[in-house]
Every structure is written in C-alpha cells, then in structure tokens.
C-alpha cells in the first residue's frame, strides 16, 4: 500500500544555534521545503533562550504541520554543562511535539551518517555533500547545523509509518 506524502522535520538540537530542516517525502522521493537555524542571544538567560526556542519551534510546527520529527540523540562531549543545557532544549522540543501529537524518532550521529552516506564514520563534510545530492541542491546547505538537521530528516524517512 503506498504511503501518503509526509512532511518530516529534522532537528539538530542546541541552545545557541538549533538547526532545523523540513522535507516532503512521497514514496522514496524527498524534496526540500525549508531549512535554517533558530538562534538565541548569548546575553539572554538560559530560561529566556528556552522561551525563544519554544516560540520558534511552535511557529515551525504551526506553519508546516510535520507528520514526523527526527531529532539527534544527545552526544556527551567535553562539557557536561553544555550537555545538560542541550538535554533541556531537547525536552522543550519533545514536549511541544507531544502536545501536537507529532511522533518523534531519535538517532545517534553514527546512525545519521550511516543512513545518509552508507558509512557511520563519515566526515561531516561527506554527510553534507550527500544531503546536497539527495535533495538535488546546487550547494551544501549552510550553516552546518541546518545541513545536519536535513540529514536527520532524511534519516527519518526510513522510519515513516
């Protein structure tokens, strides 16, 4: 049975810059709808930044009405403070999606690279070149956070219902 066309939103979580990418999928063909970054001011309090992120995510959900959300799983790097803040941002995003009844699928960075390039250890640039190719774009989407979000959306294609 053929699947109906679906809009998928990919999220590369962050609190200074959060990438988002929207694609429309019909069968196995994907086309770009929109991409970009949600930015917050470093001079704002963390709570003010969460409010800004929530407002922007709400606007994206309202405008595009995605059928599925793909989000990167938290990667613990060197800074536990940064990891905790990103975790809280992910919680805000998950809450807003749950309120709208939009299912969420999560992926590790290696899963995203493996799905987009065939190699879970691919470079970021290699992954971004595949995003460009898979979506038929003239150039690699910028900034990196937005390209990563599109890679997450493309990874979610295989998880559609």
Protein backbone atom coordinates (compact mmCIF):
# COMPACT_ATOMS: atom_id res chain seq x y z
CA UNK A 1 0.00 0.00 0.00
CA UNK A 2 1.54 3.35 -1.00
CA UNK A 3 2.21 5.83 1.78
CA UNK A 4 0.69 9.28 1.62
CA UNK A 5 3.05 12.24 1.23
CA UNK A 6 4.58 13.27 4.54
CA UNK A 7 6.39 16.28 5.90
CA UNK A 8 9.38 15.43 8.08
CA UNK A 9 11.13 17.91 10.38
CA UNK A 10 14.73 17.23 11.37
CA UNK A 11 16.14 18.91 14.46
CA UNK A 12 19.83 19.30 15.35
CA UNK A 13 19.42 20.40 18.99
CA UNK A 14 21.36 23.24 20.53
CA UNK A 15 20.65 26.32 22.62
CA UNK A 16 22.84 28.90 20.88
CA UNK A 17 22.00 27.56 17.44
CA UNK A 18 19.48 24.85 16.68
CA UNK A 19 19.32 23.51 13.15
CA UNK A 20 16.03 22.61 11.53
CA UNK A 21 15.27 21.09 8.18
CA UNK A 22 11.95 20.25 6.55
CA UNK A 23 11.46 17.82 3.70
CA UNK A 24 8.39 16.48 1.90
CA UNK A 25 8.52 12.78 1.11
CA UNK A 26 6.37 10.95 -1.39
CA UNK A 27 7.31 7.31 -1.82
CA UNK A 28 11.10 7.41 -1.66
CA UNK A 29 11.42 10.84 -3.31
CA UNK A 30 12.31 13.69 -0.95
CA UNK A 31 12.23 17.39 -1.72
CA UNK A 32 13.35 20.35 0.32
CA UNK A 33 10.72 22.55 1.95
CA UNK A 34 12.77 24.77 4.26
CA UNK A 35 15.82 24.83 6.50
CA UNK A 36 17.67 27.17 8.80
CA UNK A 37 18.69 27.78 12.37
CA UNK A 38 17.00 29.03 15.46
CA UNK A 39 19.43 31.32 17.24
CA UNK A 40 19.38 32.73 20.72
CA UNK A 41 21.41 35.53 22.22
CA UNK A 42 24.28 34.57 24.50
CA UNK A 43 23.43 37.63 26.61
CA UNK A 44 19.97 36.21 27.40
CA UNK A 45 19.43 33.99 30.42
CA UNK A 46 19.10 30.29 29.71
CA UNK A 47 15.39 30.47 30.55
CA UNK A 48 14.93 33.32 28.04
CA UNK A 49 16.72 31.21 25.45
CA UNK A 50 14.36 28.28 26.12
CA UNK A 51 11.37 30.58 25.63
CA UNK A 52 12.78 31.81 22.29
CA UNK A 53 13.41 28.25 21.12
CA UNK A 54 9.89 27.21 22.15
CA UNK A 55 8.33 30.15 20.28
CA UNK A 56 10.27 29.35 17.12
CA UNK A 57 9.54 25.61 17.27
CA UNK A 58 5.83 26.34 17.84
CA UNK A 59 5.84 28.58 14.75
CA UNK A 60 7.51 25.88 12.62
CA UNK A 61 5.06 23.23 13.85
CA UNK A 62 2.10 25.51 13.17
CA UNK A 63 3.25 26.56 9.69
CA UNK A 64 4.45 23.21 8.36
CA UNK A 65 2.42 20.67 10.37
CA UNK A 66 5.03 17.90 10.18
CA UNK A 67 3.93 14.27 10.27
CA UNK A 68 7.17 13.11 11.90
CA UNK A 69 10.08 14.67 13.77
CA UNK A 70 13.62 13.34 13.70
CA UNK A 71 16.00 14.57 16.40
CA UNK A 72 19.61 13.83 17.15
CA UNK A 73 20.29 11.96 20.37
CA UNK A 74 22.39 13.79 22.87
CA UNK A 75 26.11 13.41 22.38
CA UNK A 76 28.13 13.93 25.57
CA UNK A 77 31.25 15.84 24.68
CA UNK A 78 33.68 17.57 26.97
CA UNK A 79 31.28 19.95 28.71
CA UNK A 80 28.65 18.46 30.98
CA UNK A 81 27.07 21.90 31.41
CA UNK A 82 26.54 22.22 27.66
CA UNK A 83 25.20 18.66 27.53
CA UNK A 84 22.71 19.41 30.29
CA UNK A 85 21.51 22.56 28.51
CA UNK A 86 21.11 20.70 25.21
CA UNK A 87 19.22 17.99 27.09
CA UNK A 88 16.83 20.60 28.46
CA UNK A 89 16.34 22.06 24.97
CA UNK A 90 15.53 18.56 23.69
CA UNK A 91 12.93 18.30 26.47
CA UNK A 92 11.26 21.52 25.33
CA UNK A 93 11.17 20.28 21.73
CA UNK A 94 9.82 16.87 22.77
CA UNK A 95 7.09 18.49 24.88
CA UNK A 96 5.95 20.77 22.06
CA UNK A 97 5.87 17.88 19.60
CA UNK A 98 3.98 15.69 22.08
CA UNK A 99 1.43 18.47 22.62
CA UNK A 100 0.82 18.49 18.85
CA UNK A 101 0.70 14.69 18.70
CA UNK A 102 3.66 14.51 16.31
CA UNK A 103 5.74 11.34 16.72
CA UNK A 104 9.47 11.69 17.33
CA UNK A 105 12.28 9.36 16.29
CA UNK A 106 15.81 9.73 17.64
CA UNK A 107 19.13 8.94 16.00
CA UNK A 108 22.76 8.88 17.06
CA UNK A 109 25.28 10.80 14.98
CA UNK A 110 26.63 7.47 13.65
CA UNK A 111 23.13 6.36 12.58
CA UNK A 112 22.63 9.64 10.71
CA UNK A 113 25.97 9.33 8.93
CA UNK A 114 25.34 5.67 8.10
CA UNK A 115 21.91 6.39 6.64
CA UNK A 116 22.96 9.38 4.56
CA UNK A 117 26.37 8.16 3.37
CA UNK A 118 26.48 4.42 3.98
CA UNK A 119 29.35 4.92 6.46
CA UNK A 120 28.72 5.55 10.17
CA UNK A 121 32.18 7.11 10.45
CA UNK A 122 31.79 9.50 7.51
CA UNK A 123 33.04 13.06 7.86
CA UNK A 124 30.62 15.87 8.47
CA UNK A 125 31.50 17.29 5.04
CA UNK A 126 30.84 13.92 3.39
CA UNK A 127 27.43 13.77 5.04
CA UNK A 128 26.62 17.31 3.97
CA UNK A 129 27.59 16.56 0.36
CA UNK A 130 25.16 13.62 0.41
CA UNK A 131 22.40 15.87 1.77
CA UNK A 132 23.07 18.20 -1.16
CA UNK A 133 22.97 15.27 -3.61
CA UNK A 134 19.90 13.53 -2.12
CA UNK A 135 17.86 16.74 -2.17
CA UNK A 136 19.16 17.89 -5.57
CA UNK A 137 20.53 21.18 -4.21
CA UNK A 138 23.01 23.41 -6.04
CA UNK A 139 25.12 23.82 -2.91
CA UNK A 140 25.55 22.38 0.57
CA UNK A 141 23.02 23.94 2.96
CA UNK A 142 24.57 26.38 5.42
CA UNK A 143 25.15 26.74 8.28
CA UNK A 144 26.30 23.26 9.34
CA UNK A 145 23.50 22.94 11.91
CA UNK A 146 20.89 23.28 9.16
CA UNK A 147 22.63 20.73 6.92
CA UNK A 148 22.80 18.34 9.88
CA UNK A 149 19.08 18.83 10.54
CA UNK A 150 18.31 17.95 6.91
CA UNK A 151 20.44 14.80 7.29
CA UNK A 152 18.36 13.91 10.36
CA UNK A 153 15.13 14.47 8.40
CA UNK A 154 16.45 12.22 5.61
CA UNK A 155 17.36 9.56 8.18
CA UNK A 156 13.78 9.68 9.48
CA UNK A 157 12.43 8.81 6.00
CA UNK A 158 13.02 5.13 6.73
CA UNK A 159 11.05 5.37 9.98
CA UNK A 160 7.82 6.68 8.49
CA UNK A 161 4.60 4.96 9.47
